[in-house]
C-alpha atoms as a PDB file:
ATOM      1  CA  MET A   1       0.000   0.000   0.000  1.00  0.00           C
ATOM      2  CA  GLY A   2       2.901   2.352   0.775  1.00  0.00           C
ATOM      3  CA  PHE A   3       4.348   1.685  -2.701  1.00  0.00           C
ATOM      4  CA  ARG A   4       1.055   2.657  -4.394  1.00  0.00           C
ATOM      5  CA  MET A   5       0.895   5.879  -2.416  1.00  0.00           C
ATOM      6  CA  THR A   6       4.417   6.774  -3.479  1.00  0.00           C
ATOM      7  CA  ARG A   7       3.627   6.104  -7.136  1.00  0.00           C
ATOM      8  CA  THR A   8       0.452   8.167  -6.836  1.00  0.00           C
ATOM      9  CA  HIS A   9       2.339  11.096  -5.310  1.00  0.00           C
ATOM     10  CA  LEU A  10       5.073  10.763  -7.930  1.00  0.00           C
ATOM     11  CA  GLY A  11       2.477  10.786 -10.719  1.00  0.00           C
ATOM     12  CA  ALA A  12       0.745  13.836  -9.280  1.00  0.00           C
ATOM     13  CA  THR A  13       4.065  15.645  -8.897  1.00  0.00           C
ATOM     14  CA  LEU A  14       5.051  14.895 -12.494  1.00  0.00           C
ATOM     15  CA  ALA A  15       1.638  16.051 -13.748  1.00  0.00           C
ATOM     16  CA  MET A  16       1.954  19.331 -11.826  1.00  0.00           C
ATOM     17  CA  CYS A  17       5.459  19.906 -13.212  1.00  0.00           C
ATOM     18  CA  ALA A  18       4.267  19.252 -16.757  1.00  0.00           C
ATOM     19  CA  ALA A  19       1.312  21.621 -16.319  1.00  0.00           C
ATOM     20  CA  ALA A  20       3.576  24.352 -14.916  1.00  0.00           C
ATOM     21  CA  THR A  21       5.983  23.950 -17.832  1.00  0.00           C
ATOM     22  CA  LEU A  22       3.158  24.219 -20.352  1.00  0.00           C
ATOM     23  CA  ALA A  23       1.723  27.260 -18.595  1.00  0.00           C
ATOM     24  CA  MET A  24       5.077  29.040 -18.660  1.00  0.00           C
ATOM     25  CA  SER A  25       5.660  28.295 -22.329  1.00  0.00           C
ATOM     26  CA  ALA A  26       2.187  29.607 -23.188  1.00  0.00           C
ATOM     27  CA  SER A  27       2.824  32.976 -21.514  1.00  0.00           C
ATOM     28  CA  PRO A  28       2.619  35.951 -23.838  1.00  0.00           C
ATOM     29  CA  ALA A  29       5.886  37.405 -25.042  1.00  0.00           C
ATOM     30  CA  SER A  30       6.895  40.672 -23.470  1.00  0.00           C
ATOM     31  CA  ALA A  31       9.200  43.362 -24.703  1.00  0.00           C
ATOM     32  CA  LYS A  32      12.769  43.223 -23.527  1.00  0.00           C
ATOM     33  CA  ILE A  33      15.689  45.554 -23.925  1.00  0.00           C
ATOM     34  CA  SER A  34      17.585  42.652 -25.521  1.00  0.00           C
ATOM     35  CA  ASP A  35      15.000  42.818 -28.335  1.00  0.00           C
ATOM     36  CA  GLY A  36      16.644  46.099 -29.291  1.00  0.00           C
ATOM     37  CA  TYR A  37      13.587  48.347 -29.628  1.00  0.00           C
ATOM     38  CA  VAL A  38      10.612  49.709 -27.762  1.00  0.00           C
ATOM     39  CA  ARG A  39       8.149  47.271 -29.277  1.00  0.00           C
ATOM     40  CA  GLY A  40       4.561  46.097 -29.122  1.00  0.00           C
ATOM     41  CA  TYR A  41       2.039  43.894 -30.889  1.00  0.00           C
ATOM     42  CA  ASP A  42      -1.719  43.732 -31.413  1.00  0.00           C
ATOM     43  CA  THR A  43      -3.531  46.208 -29.163  1.00  0.00           C
ATOM     44  CA  TYR A  44      -1.337  49.159 -28.287  1.00  0.00           C
ATOM     45  CA  VAL A  45      -2.826  49.644 -24.816  1.00  0.00           C
ATOM     46  CA  GLY A  46      -0.066  48.793 -22.355  1.00  0.00           C
ATOM     47  CA  ASP A  47       2.623  48.337 -25.041  1.00  0.00           C
ATOM     48  CA  TRP A  48       5.201  50.354 -23.120  1.00  0.00           C
ATOM     49  CA  GLY A  49       4.368  48.871 -19.708  1.00  0.00           C
ATOM     50  CA  ASP A  50       6.599  45.861 -20.275  1.00  0.00           C
ATOM     51  CA  GLU A  51       9.685  47.718 -21.455  1.00  0.00           C
ATOM     52  CA  GLY A  52      12.984  47.470 -19.651  1.00  0.00           C
ATOM     53  CA  THR A  53      14.339  50.216 -17.426  1.00  0.00           C
ATOM     54  CA  ILE A  54      16.303  53.194 -18.680  1.00  0.00           C
ATOM     55  CA  SER A  55      18.054  55.430 -16.156  1.00  0.00           C
ATOM     56  CA  THR A  56      21.318  57.174 -15.357  1.00  0.00           C
ATOM     57  CA  ALA A  57      22.809  53.725 -14.658  1.00  0.00           C
ATOM     58  CA  ALA A  58      21.078  51.431 -17.186  1.00  0.00           C
ATOM     59  CA  TYR A  59      20.791  51.919 -20.946  1.00  0.00           C
ATOM     60  CA  SER A  60      21.493  55.607 -20.453  1.00  0.00           C
ATOM     61  CA  GLN A  61      22.499  56.604 -24.013  1.00  0.00           C
ATOM     62  CA  ASN A  62      20.187  55.536 -26.840  1.00  0.00           C
ATOM     63  CA  ASN A  63      17.114  56.387 -28.878  1.00  0.00           C
ATOM     64  CA  ALA A  64      14.755  54.954 -26.236  1.00  0.00           C
ATOM     65  CA  VAL A  65      16.101  57.758 -24.033  1.00  0.00           C
ATOM     66  CA  CYS A  66      15.403  60.188 -26.909  1.00  0.00           C
ATOM     67  CA  LEU A  67      11.783  58.970 -26.937  1.00  0.00           C
ATOM     68  CA  TRP A  68      11.569  59.450 -23.171  1.00  0.00           C
ATOM     69  CA  GLN A  69      13.067  62.934 -23.387  1.00  0.00           C
ATOM     70  CA  THR A  70      10.558  63.814 -26.102  1.00  0.00           C
ATOM     71  CA  ILE A  71       7.830  62.713 -23.665  1.00  0.00           C
ATOM     72  CA  LEU A  72       9.352  64.967 -20.977  1.00  0.00           C
ATOM     73  CA  TRP A  73       9.249  67.843 -23.492  1.00  0.00           C
ATOM     74  CA  ALA A  74       5.632  67.059 -24.443  1.00  0.00           C
ATOM     75  CA  GLU A  75       4.602  66.945 -20.789  1.00  0.00           C
ATOM     76  CA  GLY A  76       6.410  70.199 -19.949  1.00  0.00           C
ATOM     77  CA  ALA A  77       8.296  68.458 -17.150  1.00  0.00           C
ATOM     78  CA  ASN A  78      10.361  70.809 -15.022  1.00  0.00           C
ATOM     79  CA  GLU A  79      14.126  70.637 -15.110  1.00  0.00           C
ATOM     80  CA  SER A  80      16.274  71.086 -12.026  1.00  0.00           C
ATOM     81  CA  ASP A  81      16.531  74.833 -12.777  1.00  0.00           C
ATOM     82  CA  GLY A  82      12.718  75.158 -12.770  1.00  0.00           C
ATOM     83  CA  THR A  83      12.317  75.669 -16.528  1.00  0.00           C
ATOM     84  CA  ASN A  84      10.407  73.290 -18.772  1.00  0.00           C
ATOM     85  CA  PHE A  85      12.254  70.484 -20.538  1.00  0.00           C
ATOM     86  CA  ASP A  86      12.793  71.788 -24.071  1.00  0.00           C
ATOM     87  CA  GLY A  87      13.913  70.549 -27.470  1.00  0.00           C
ATOM     88  CA  THR A  88      17.583  71.322 -26.810  1.00  0.00           C
ATOM     89  CA  ASP A  89      17.473  68.912 -23.861  1.00  0.00           C
ATOM     90  CA  ILE A  90      16.682  65.968 -26.162  1.00  0.00           C
ATOM     91  CA  ASP A  91      20.100  64.415 -26.706  1.00  0.00           C
ATOM     92  CA  GLY A  92      19.603  60.710 -25.935  1.00  0.00           C
ATOM     93  CA  ILE A  93      21.711  60.882 -22.765  1.00  0.00           C
ATOM     94  CA  PHE A  94      19.922  60.085 -19.498  1.00  0.00           C
ATOM     95  CA  GLY A  95      21.837  62.517 -17.302  1.00  0.00           C
ATOM     96  CA  GLY A  96      21.003  64.579 -14.250  1.00  0.00           C
ATOM     97  CA  ASN A  97      18.603  66.882 -16.087  1.00  0.00           C
ATOM     98  CA  THR A  98      16.561  63.952 -17.438  1.00  0.00           C
ATOM     99  CA  TYR A  99      16.695  62.266 -14.038  1.00  0.00           C
ATOM    100  CA  GLY A 100      15.315  65.334 -12.228  1.00  0.00           C
ATOM    101  CA  ALA A 101      12.606  65.976 -14.841  1.00  0.00           C
ATOM    102  CA  THR A 102      11.612  62.299 -14.676  1.00  0.00           C
ATOM    103  CA  LYS A 103      11.228  62.473 -10.889  1.00  0.00           C
ATOM    104  CA  ARG A 104       9.048  65.574 -11.194  1.00  0.00           C
ATOM    105  CA  LEU A 105       6.884  63.923 -13.853  1.00  0.00           C
ATOM    106  CA  GLN A 106       6.519  60.782 -11.712  1.00  0.00           C
ATOM    107  CA  VAL A 107       5.145  62.964  -8.908  1.00  0.00           C
ATOM    108  CA  SER A 108       2.874  64.858 -11.328  1.00  0.00           C
ATOM    109  CA  TRP A 109       1.481  61.570 -12.648  1.00  0.00           C
ATOM    110  CA  GLY A 110       0.878  60.210  -9.131  1.00  0.00           C
ATOM    111  CA  LEU A 111       3.528  57.492  -9.438  1.00  0.00           C
ATOM    112  CA  ALA A 112       5.312  58.833  -6.334  1.00  0.00           C
ATOM    113  CA  SER A 113       4.040  60.903  -3.424  1.00  0.00           C
ATOM    114  CA  SER A 114       7.009  63.287  -3.409  1.00  0.00           C
ATOM    115  CA  TYR A 115      10.172  64.192  -5.292  1.00  0.00           C
ATOM    116  CA  ASP A 116      12.239  62.378  -2.651  1.00  0.00           C
ATOM    117  CA  LYS A 117      10.195  59.185  -3.110  1.00  0.00           C
ATOM    118  CA  ALA A 118      10.301  59.203  -6.920  1.00  0.00           C
ATOM    119  CA  ASP A 119      13.031  56.924  -8.291  1.00  0.00           C
ATOM    120  CA  GLY A 120      13.820  58.885 -11.467  1.00  0.00           C
ATOM    121  CA  MET A 121      14.006  55.667 -13.503  1.00  0.00           C
ATOM    122  CA  VAL A 122      11.837  54.900 -16.522  1.00  0.00           C
ATOM    123  CA  GLY A 123      10.654  51.342 -16.013  1.00  0.00           C
ATOM    124  CA  PRO A 124       7.360  49.522 -16.529  1.00  0.00           C
ATOM    125  CA  ASN A 125       5.300  51.846 -14.296  1.00  0.00           C
ATOM    126  CA  THR A 126       6.596  55.095 -15.763  1.00  0.00           C
ATOM    127  CA  PHE A 127       6.750  53.924 -19.390  1.00  0.00           C
ATOM    128  CA  GLY A 128       3.387  52.232 -18.883  1.00  0.00           C
ATOM    129  CA  ARG A 129       1.842  55.486 -17.655  1.00  0.00           C
ATOM    130  CA  ALA A 130       3.288  57.317 -20.669  1.00  0.00           C
ATOM    131  CA  ASP A 131       1.540  55.069 -23.172  1.00  0.00           C
ATOM    132  CA  ASN A 132      -1.808  56.227 -21.729  1.00  0.00           C
ATOM    133  CA  GLN A 133      -1.154  59.424 -23.696  1.00  0.00           C
ATOM    134  CA  LEU A 134      -1.051  57.651 -27.090  1.00  0.00           C
ATOM    135  CA  VAL A 135      -4.049  58.485 -29.246  1.00  0.00           C
ATOM    136  CA  LYS A 136      -4.528  56.278 -32.325  1.00  0.00           C
ATOM    137  CA  THR A 137      -4.891  58.374 -35.465  1.00  0.00           C
ATOM    138  CA  GLY A 138      -4.678  55.762 -38.230  1.00  0.00           C
ATOM    139  CA  GLY A 139      -3.499  52.412 -39.447  1.00  0.00           C
ATOM    140  CA  SER A 140      -4.246  48.999 -38.018  1.00  0.00           C
ATOM    141  CA  THR A 141      -3.259  47.195 -34.824  1.00  0.00           C
ATOM    142  CA  ALA A 142      -3.135  43.849 -36.678  1.00  0.00           C
ATOM    143  CA  ARG A 143       0.263  42.147 -36.737  1.00  0.00           C
ATOM    144  CA  GLY A 144       2.313  43.158 -39.732  1.00  0.00           C
ATOM    145  CA  GLU A 145       0.524  46.501 -40.080  1.00  0.00           C
ATOM    146  CA  THR A 146       1.586  50.025 -39.166  1.00  0.00           C
ATOM    147  CA  VAL A 147      -0.423  52.042 -36.662  1.00  0.00           C
ATOM    148  CA  GLU A 148      -0.125  55.817 -36.230  1.00  0.00           C
ATOM    149  CA  PHE A 149      -0.521  57.803 -33.008  1.00  0.00           C
ATOM    150  CA  VAL A 150      -0.188  61.224 -31.532  1.00  0.00           C
ATOM    151  CA  TYR A 151       1.414  61.413 -28.115  1.00  0.00           C
ATOM    152  CA  ASN A 152      -0.959  63.851 -26.421  1.00  0.00           C
ATOM    153  CA  GLY A 153       1.206  65.655 -23.862  1.00  0.00           C
ATOM    154  CA  SER A 154       0.157  68.353 -21.419  1.00  0.00           C
ATOM    155  CA  VAL A 155       2.086  71.035 -23.348  1.00  0.00           C
ATOM    156  CA  HIS A 156       3.038  69.554 -26.747  1.00  0.00           C
ATOM    157  CA  ASP A 157       2.024  66.685 -29.020  1.00  0.00           C
ATOM    158  CA  PHE A 158       4.241  64.612 -31.295  1.00  0.00           C
ATOM    159  CA  ALA A 159       3.768  61.858 -33.868  1.00  0.00           C
ATOM    160  CA  VAL A 160       4.493  58.228 -32.997  1.00  0.00           C
ATOM    161  CA  GLU A 161       4.191  55.082 -35.124  1.00  0.00           C
ATOM    162  CA  ARG A 162       4.417  51.377 -34.482  1.00  0.00           C
ATOM    163  CA  ASP A 163       5.806  49.886 -37.672  1.00  0.00           C
ATOM    164  CA  SER A 164       4.951  46.565 -39.330  1.00  0.00           C
ATOM    165  CA  GLU A 165       7.571  44.826 -37.145  1.00  0.00           C
ATOM    166  CA  GLY A 166       6.079  46.247 -33.936  1.00  0.00           C
ATOM    167  CA  ARG A 167       8.918  48.750 -33.407  1.00  0.00           C
ATOM    168  CA  TYR A 168       8.010  52.204 -32.157  1.00  0.00           C
ATOM    169  CA  ARG A 169       9.380  55.294 -33.804  1.00  0.00           C
ATOM    170  CA  PHE A 170       8.763  58.946 -33.114  1.00  0.00           C
ATOM    171  CA  ARG A 171       9.045  62.186 -35.001  1.00  0.00           C
ATOM    172  CA  GLU A 172      11.829  64.409 -33.788  1.00  0.00           C
ATOM    173  CA  GLY A 173      11.402  68.187 -33.792  1.00  0.00           C
ATOM    174  CA  ASN A 174      13.028  68.551 -37.228  1.00  0.00           C
ATOM    175  CA  ASP A 175      10.576  66.034 -38.758  1.00  0.00           C
ATOM    176  CA  THR A 176      13.096  63.195 -38.703  1.00  0.00           C
ATOM    177  CA  TRP A 177      11.669  59.789 -37.740  1.00  0.00           C
ATOM    178  CA  ARG A 178      13.737  57.920 -35.123  1.00  0.00           C
ATOM    179  CA  LEU A 179      13.347  54.290 -34.102  1.00  0.00           C
ATOM    180  CA  ALA A 180      13.132  53.977 -30.314  1.00  0.00           C
ATOM    181  CA  ALA A 181      16.156  51.665 -30.132  1.00  0.00           C
ATOM    182  CA  TYR A 182      18.133  50.614 -27.057  1.00  0.00           C
ATOM    183  CA  GLY A 183      21.326  49.861 -28.985  1.00  0.00           C
ATOM    184  CA  TYR A 184      22.206  53.171 -30.603  1.00  0.00           C
ATOM    185  CA  ARG A 185      21.688  56.917 -30.344  1.00  0.00           C
ATOM    186  CA  SER A 186      20.997  59.053 -33.412  1.00  0.00           C
ATOM    187  CA  CYS A 187      19.246  62.057 -31.878  1.00  0.00           C
ATOM    188  CA  SER A 188      21.187  65.021 -30.578  1.00  0.00           C
END
C-alpha cells in the first residue's frame, strides 16, 4: 500500500510539473531591452508597460532615451533649474537633467508621493503610464501593419508610429523619424 501511495504522489508531482511547464511556455511574449527596440504587438494599450528600465545607470544613451526625453518635453516636465524640458534637452543621454525631470513627472502623474520618493528611472510603471497618452490616429493594430498615433502631452504633441515589425518610432522636432532603439543613439 505504501508503494502505491508513493507512485500516486510521484504521478501527481510529475503532472503538476508538466502543467507548470506548459503554462510558462504559453505565456505571452513581453518586450525586452535585448530585443533592441521599444516594441509592441496587437492592441497598443499597455505596449510600453513591459519595457525594460532606462536610467542614469542602465541603458542611459540611446534612442529609447530620446523617446523618453521627447515625452518629458511634451509633458512640460520641469528641469532642475525650474524651466520646462525643451527641445535642446533631447540628446539621448539620461543625465542629471533627465533624471530630475523624470522624478518631477513621476510625482505629477501620481507614481510617487514626493520628489524624494520618486526613483527617477523609466521602467514599466513610468513607461506604462506614458503610453496612456497615445491616441490612435490611423493604421491597423493587426500584426504586420503600421499604426499611427499622436502622443498627447500636457504642453506639446508629437507623432508616434508602431511599424509593421512592432517597433516604435517617433518624429523628432526637425521632422526626422527615429526608431526607439536601445542599442544606438541618433538624436542630438
